[in-house]
Amino acid sequence: MYAVIRTGGQQTTVREGETIEIQKIPGEVGEEVVFDDVLIIRDEKATIIGRPRVEKAQVLGKIVSQHRGPKIRVYKFKKRKGYSRTQGHRQPHTGVLIREIKR
């Protein structure tokens, strides 16, 4: 069984027992989280497609980490002007263990 959820402006496919990495959500490590924005649920028998979301469906998870992703280097350059700038960025992420998909 799997589900497609929307979090942080992105859609993510999740399965029970799987650990996913999403954009940062508030909460401490060990806290329970509930994703109500479920778009699709698929099991062995049927596929339920929400319009726009599946009613009364939830995905339950547990926060396992709050961390930052790899550093990305941003380099700006203008030819023949003597202009160049280097900047770094690290995007915050949350690791979530998917515990249960409820229909």
N, C-alpha and C. Protein backbone atom coordinates (compact mmCIF):
# COMPACT_ATOMS: atom_id res chain seq x y z
N MET A 1 0.84 -1.17 0.00
CA MET A 1 0.00 0.00 0.00
C MET A 1 0.89 1.24 0.00
N TYR A 2 0.50 2.25 -0.78
CA TYR A 2 1.21 3.51 -0.76
C TYR A 2 0.22 4.66 -0.90
N ALA A 3 0.70 5.86 -0.60
CA ALA A 3 -0.12 7.07 -0.71
C ALA A 3 0.74 8.19 -1.28
N VAL A 4 0.07 9.17 -1.85
CA VAL A 4 0.74 10.37 -2.32
C VAL A 4 0.24 11.52 -1.46
N ILE A 5 1.17 12.20 -0.78
CA ILE A 5 0.80 13.31 0.08
C ILE A 5 1.42 14.60 -0.45
N ARG A 6 0.84 15.73 -0.03
CA ARG A 6 1.39 17.03 -0.40
C ARG A 6 1.90 17.69 0.87
N THR A 7 3.17 18.05 0.87
CA THR A 7 3.77 18.75 2.00
C THR A 7 4.86 19.68 1.49
N GLY A 8 4.90 20.88 1.99
CA GLY A 8 5.91 21.84 1.59
C GLY A 8 5.82 22.23 0.13
N GLY A 9 4.61 22.18 -0.45
CA GLY A 9 4.44 22.54 -1.85
C GLY A 9 4.89 21.45 -2.82
N GLN A 10 5.21 20.27 -2.31
CA GLN A 10 5.66 19.17 -3.15
C GLN A 10 4.81 17.93 -2.88
N GLN A 11 4.70 17.07 -3.87
CA GLN A 11 4.00 15.81 -3.71
C GLN A 11 5.03 14.70 -3.50
N THR A 12 4.73 13.81 -2.54
CA THR A 12 5.67 12.76 -2.17
C THR A 12 4.93 11.43 -2.08
N THR A 13 5.50 10.39 -2.66
CA THR A 13 4.95 9.04 -2.53
C THR A 13 5.51 8.41 -1.27
N VAL A 14 4.64 7.86 -0.41
CA VAL A 14 5.07 7.28 0.85
C VAL A 14 4.52 5.87 1.01
N ARG A 15 5.27 5.02 1.71
CA ARG A 15 4.85 3.67 2.06
C ARG A 15 5.05 3.47 3.55
N GLU A 16 4.28 2.58 4.15
CA GLU A 16 4.42 2.31 5.58
C GLU A 16 5.80 1.73 5.86
N GLY A 17 6.43 2.19 6.95
CA GLY A 17 7.75 1.72 7.33
C GLY A 17 8.90 2.41 6.63
N GLU A 18 8.61 3.32 5.72
CA GLU A 18 9.64 4.01 4.95
C GLU A 18 10.00 5.34 5.62
N THR A 19 11.24 5.75 5.50
CA THR A 19 11.68 7.05 6.01
C THR A 19 11.85 7.99 4.83
N ILE A 20 11.17 9.14 4.90
CA ILE A 20 11.25 10.11 3.82
C ILE A 20 11.92 11.39 4.30
N GLU A 21 12.45 12.15 3.37
CA GLU A 21 13.09 13.42 3.68
C GLU A 21 12.29 14.51 2.98
N ILE A 22 11.71 15.43 3.76
CA ILE A 22 10.86 16.48 3.22
C ILE A 22 11.40 17.84 3.66
N GLN A 23 10.81 18.91 3.12
CA GLN A 23 11.18 20.23 3.58
C GLN A 23 10.82 20.37 5.04
N LYS A 24 11.55 21.20 5.75
CA LYS A 24 11.42 21.31 7.20
C LYS A 24 9.99 21.61 7.65
N ILE A 25 9.53 20.83 8.64
CA ILE A 25 8.27 21.09 9.31
C ILE A 25 8.57 21.29 10.79
N PRO A 26 7.75 22.09 11.48
CA PRO A 26 8.03 22.32 12.90
C PRO A 26 7.83 21.06 13.73
N GLY A 27 8.63 20.90 14.78
CA GLY A 27 8.52 19.75 15.66
C GLY A 27 9.87 19.26 16.09
N GLU A 28 9.87 18.54 17.21
CA GLU A 28 11.09 17.97 17.76
C GLU A 28 11.22 16.51 17.33
N VAL A 29 12.42 15.98 17.43
CA VAL A 29 12.67 14.58 17.13
C VAL A 29 11.86 13.72 18.10
N GLY A 30 11.13 12.74 17.58
CA GLY A 30 10.31 11.87 18.41
C GLY A 30 8.84 12.25 18.41
N GLU A 31 8.49 13.43 17.93
CA GLU A 31 7.09 13.86 17.90
C GLU A 31 6.34 13.17 16.76
N GLU A 32 5.04 12.98 16.98
CA GLU A 32 4.17 12.42 15.96
C GLU A 32 3.69 13.53 15.04
N VAL A 33 3.55 13.23 13.74
CA VAL A 33 3.01 14.18 12.78
C VAL A 33 1.89 13.51 11.99
N VAL A 34 0.91 14.32 11.57
CA VAL A 34 -0.22 13.82 10.79
C VAL A 34 -0.28 14.62 9.50
N PHE A 35 -0.29 13.93 8.37
CA PHE A 35 -0.45 14.56 7.06
C PHE A 35 -1.88 14.32 6.60
N ASP A 36 -2.67 15.41 6.52
CA ASP A 36 -4.08 15.31 6.12
C ASP A 36 -4.28 15.52 4.63
N ASP A 37 -3.29 16.08 3.97
CA ASP A 37 -3.40 16.40 2.55
C ASP A 37 -2.99 15.19 1.71
N VAL A 38 -3.86 14.16 1.68
CA VAL A 38 -3.59 12.91 0.97
C VAL A 38 -4.28 12.98 -0.39
N LEU A 39 -3.52 12.81 -1.46
CA LEU A 39 -4.06 12.95 -2.81
C LEU A 39 -4.49 11.62 -3.42
N ILE A 40 -3.73 10.55 -3.17
CA ILE A 40 -4.02 9.23 -3.74
C ILE A 40 -3.68 8.17 -2.70
N ILE A 41 -4.52 7.13 -2.63
CA ILE A 41 -4.21 5.94 -1.83
C ILE A 41 -4.36 4.73 -2.74
N ARG A 42 -3.36 3.87 -2.74
CA ARG A 42 -3.38 2.67 -3.57
C ARG A 42 -3.06 1.46 -2.72
N ASP A 43 -3.92 0.43 -2.78
CA ASP A 43 -3.61 -0.84 -2.13
C ASP A 43 -3.79 -1.96 -3.15
N GLU A 44 -3.78 -3.22 -2.68
CA GLU A 44 -3.86 -4.36 -3.59
C GLU A 44 -5.18 -4.40 -4.35
N LYS A 45 -6.25 -3.89 -3.75
CA LYS A 45 -7.58 -4.03 -4.34
C LYS A 45 -8.03 -2.83 -5.16
N ALA A 46 -7.71 -1.62 -4.70
CA ALA A 46 -8.29 -0.45 -5.35
C ALA A 46 -7.35 0.75 -5.27
N THR A 47 -7.67 1.72 -6.11
CA THR A 47 -6.99 3.01 -6.09
C THR A 47 -8.04 4.07 -5.80
N ILE A 48 -7.77 4.90 -4.80
CA ILE A 48 -8.67 5.99 -4.46
C ILE A 48 -7.97 7.28 -4.83
N ILE A 49 -8.58 8.04 -5.73
CA ILE A 49 -8.01 9.30 -6.18
C ILE A 49 -8.87 10.42 -5.63
N GLY A 50 -8.25 11.35 -4.92
CA GLY A 50 -8.98 12.46 -4.34
C GLY A 50 -9.23 13.57 -5.34
N ARG A 51 -10.29 14.31 -5.10
CA ARG A 51 -10.64 15.44 -5.96
C ARG A 51 -10.92 16.65 -5.10
N PRO A 52 -9.97 17.42 -4.62
CA PRO A 52 -8.53 17.32 -4.83
C PRO A 52 -7.84 16.40 -3.83
N ARG A 53 -8.47 16.08 -2.68
CA ARG A 53 -7.82 15.18 -1.72
C ARG A 53 -8.82 14.11 -1.27
N VAL A 54 -8.29 13.03 -0.73
CA VAL A 54 -9.12 11.92 -0.26
C VAL A 54 -9.71 12.30 1.09
N GLU A 55 -11.03 12.21 1.20
CA GLU A 55 -11.71 12.58 2.44
C GLU A 55 -11.37 11.61 3.57
N LYS A 56 -11.14 12.14 4.75
CA LYS A 56 -10.89 11.38 5.99
C LYS A 56 -9.64 10.52 5.94
N ALA A 57 -8.78 10.73 4.96
CA ALA A 57 -7.54 9.95 4.87
C ALA A 57 -6.43 10.68 5.62
N GLN A 58 -5.57 9.91 6.27
CA GLN A 58 -4.45 10.47 7.01
C GLN A 58 -3.23 9.58 6.85
N VAL A 59 -2.08 10.21 6.91
CA VAL A 59 -0.82 9.48 6.96
C VAL A 59 -0.15 9.88 8.27
N LEU A 60 0.14 8.89 9.12
CA LEU A 60 0.75 9.14 10.42
C LEU A 60 2.24 8.86 10.34
N GLY A 61 3.02 9.73 10.95
CA GLY A 61 4.46 9.57 10.93
C GLY A 61 5.10 10.04 12.22
N LYS A 62 6.39 9.84 12.30
CA LYS A 62 7.17 10.23 13.48
C LYS A 62 8.43 10.92 12.98
N ILE A 63 8.76 12.08 13.56
CA ILE A 63 9.96 12.82 13.17
C ILE A 63 11.18 12.08 13.73
N VAL A 64 12.11 11.72 12.83
CA VAL A 64 13.31 11.02 13.26
C VAL A 64 14.56 11.90 13.16
N SER A 65 14.49 13.00 12.41
CA SER A 65 15.65 13.89 12.34
C SER A 65 15.24 15.27 11.85
N GLN A 66 15.97 16.27 12.33
CA GLN A 66 15.89 17.65 11.82
C GLN A 66 17.32 18.00 11.42
N HIS A 67 17.57 18.17 10.14
CA HIS A 67 18.93 18.40 9.68
C HIS A 67 18.93 19.35 8.48
N ARG A 68 20.13 19.67 8.02
CA ARG A 68 20.29 20.52 6.85
C ARG A 68 20.94 19.71 5.73
N GLY A 69 20.54 20.01 4.51
CA GLY A 69 21.04 19.30 3.35
C GLY A 69 22.45 19.72 2.98
N PRO A 70 22.94 19.22 1.88
CA PRO A 70 24.30 19.56 1.46
C PRO A 70 24.41 21.03 1.03
N LYS A 71 25.60 21.56 1.12
CA LYS A 71 25.81 22.96 0.76
C LYS A 71 25.77 23.12 -0.76
N ILE A 72 25.06 24.15 -1.18
CA ILE A 72 24.96 24.48 -2.60
C ILE A 72 25.71 25.80 -2.80
N ARG A 73 26.59 25.84 -3.78
CA ARG A 73 27.37 27.04 -4.07
C ARG A 73 26.66 27.83 -5.17
N VAL A 74 26.41 29.11 -4.91
CA VAL A 74 25.79 30.00 -5.89
C VAL A 74 26.88 30.99 -6.32
N TYR A 75 27.16 31.05 -7.62
CA TYR A 75 28.22 31.93 -8.12
C TYR A 75 27.62 32.86 -9.16
N LYS A 76 27.76 34.17 -8.94
CA LYS A 76 27.29 35.17 -9.89
C LYS A 76 28.50 35.83 -10.54
N PHE A 77 28.40 36.11 -11.83
CA PHE A 77 29.54 36.63 -12.56
C PHE A 77 29.04 37.48 -13.72
N LYS A 78 29.65 38.64 -13.90
CA LYS A 78 29.36 39.47 -15.06
C LYS A 78 30.67 39.69 -15.82
N LYS A 79 30.69 39.28 -17.06
CA LYS A 79 31.93 39.36 -17.82
C LYS A 79 32.33 40.81 -18.07
N ARG A 80 33.63 41.03 -18.06
CA ARG A 80 34.26 42.33 -18.34
C ARG A 80 33.85 43.44 -17.37
N LYS A 81 33.25 43.15 -16.25
CA LYS A 81 32.84 44.18 -15.30
C LYS A 81 33.55 44.04 -13.95
N GLY A 82 34.30 42.99 -13.77
CA GLY A 82 35.00 42.78 -12.51
C GLY A 82 34.07 42.41 -11.36
N TYR A 83 32.91 41.87 -11.72
CA TYR A 83 31.91 41.52 -10.71
C TYR A 83 31.80 40.01 -10.56
N SER A 84 32.01 39.53 -9.33
CA SER A 84 31.74 38.12 -9.05
C SER A 84 31.40 37.97 -7.58
N ARG A 85 30.43 37.13 -7.27
CA ARG A 85 29.99 36.88 -5.90
C ARG A 85 29.78 35.38 -5.72
N THR A 86 30.22 34.88 -4.59
CA THR A 86 29.99 33.48 -4.24
C THR A 86 29.18 33.45 -2.96
N GLN A 87 28.16 32.61 -2.96
CA GLN A 87 27.28 32.49 -1.80
C GLN A 87 26.96 31.01 -1.61
N GLY A 88 26.78 30.59 -0.36
CA GLY A 88 26.42 29.22 -0.06
C GLY A 88 25.03 29.15 0.54
N HIS A 89 24.41 27.97 0.43
CA HIS A 89 23.06 27.77 0.98
C HIS A 89 22.91 26.32 1.40
N ARG A 90 22.29 26.10 2.57
CA ARG A 90 21.95 24.74 3.02
C ARG A 90 20.48 24.71 3.38
N GLN A 91 19.71 23.90 2.68
CA GLN A 91 18.27 23.82 2.87
C GLN A 91 17.95 22.94 4.09
N PRO A 92 17.08 23.41 5.01
CA PRO A 92 16.71 22.57 6.15
C PRO A 92 15.73 21.46 5.73
N HIS A 93 15.93 20.26 6.27
CA HIS A 93 15.09 19.10 5.96
C HIS A 93 14.61 18.44 7.25
N THR A 94 13.54 17.65 7.13
CA THR A 94 13.02 16.85 8.23
C THR A 94 12.92 15.40 7.74
N GLY A 95 13.45 14.47 8.53
CA GLY A 95 13.30 13.05 8.23
C GLY A 95 12.09 12.52 8.98
N VAL A 96 11.17 11.86 8.25
CA VAL A 96 9.93 11.36 8.86
C VAL A 96 9.79 9.87 8.57
N LEU A 97 9.55 9.08 9.61
CA LEU A 97 9.26 7.66 9.48
C LEU A 97 7.75 7.51 9.34
N ILE A 98 7.29 6.91 8.24
CA ILE A 98 5.86 6.73 8.00
C ILE A 98 5.40 5.50 8.77
N ARG A 99 4.44 5.70 9.68
CA ARG A 99 3.97 4.60 10.52
C ARG A 99 2.71 3.94 9.99
N GLU A 100 1.76 4.74 9.51
CA GLU A 100 0.48 4.16 9.11
C GLU A 100 -0.20 5.04 8.08
N ILE A 101 -0.93 4.37 7.16
CA ILE A 101 -1.76 5.08 6.19
C ILE A 101 -3.21 4.70 6.49
N LYS A 102 -4.03 5.69 6.85
CA LYS A 102 -5.44 5.44 7.19
C LYS A 102 -6.33 5.91 6.07
N ARG A 103 -7.35 5.10 5.78
CA ARG A 103 -8.33 5.48 4.77
C ARG A 103 -9.58 6.01 5.41
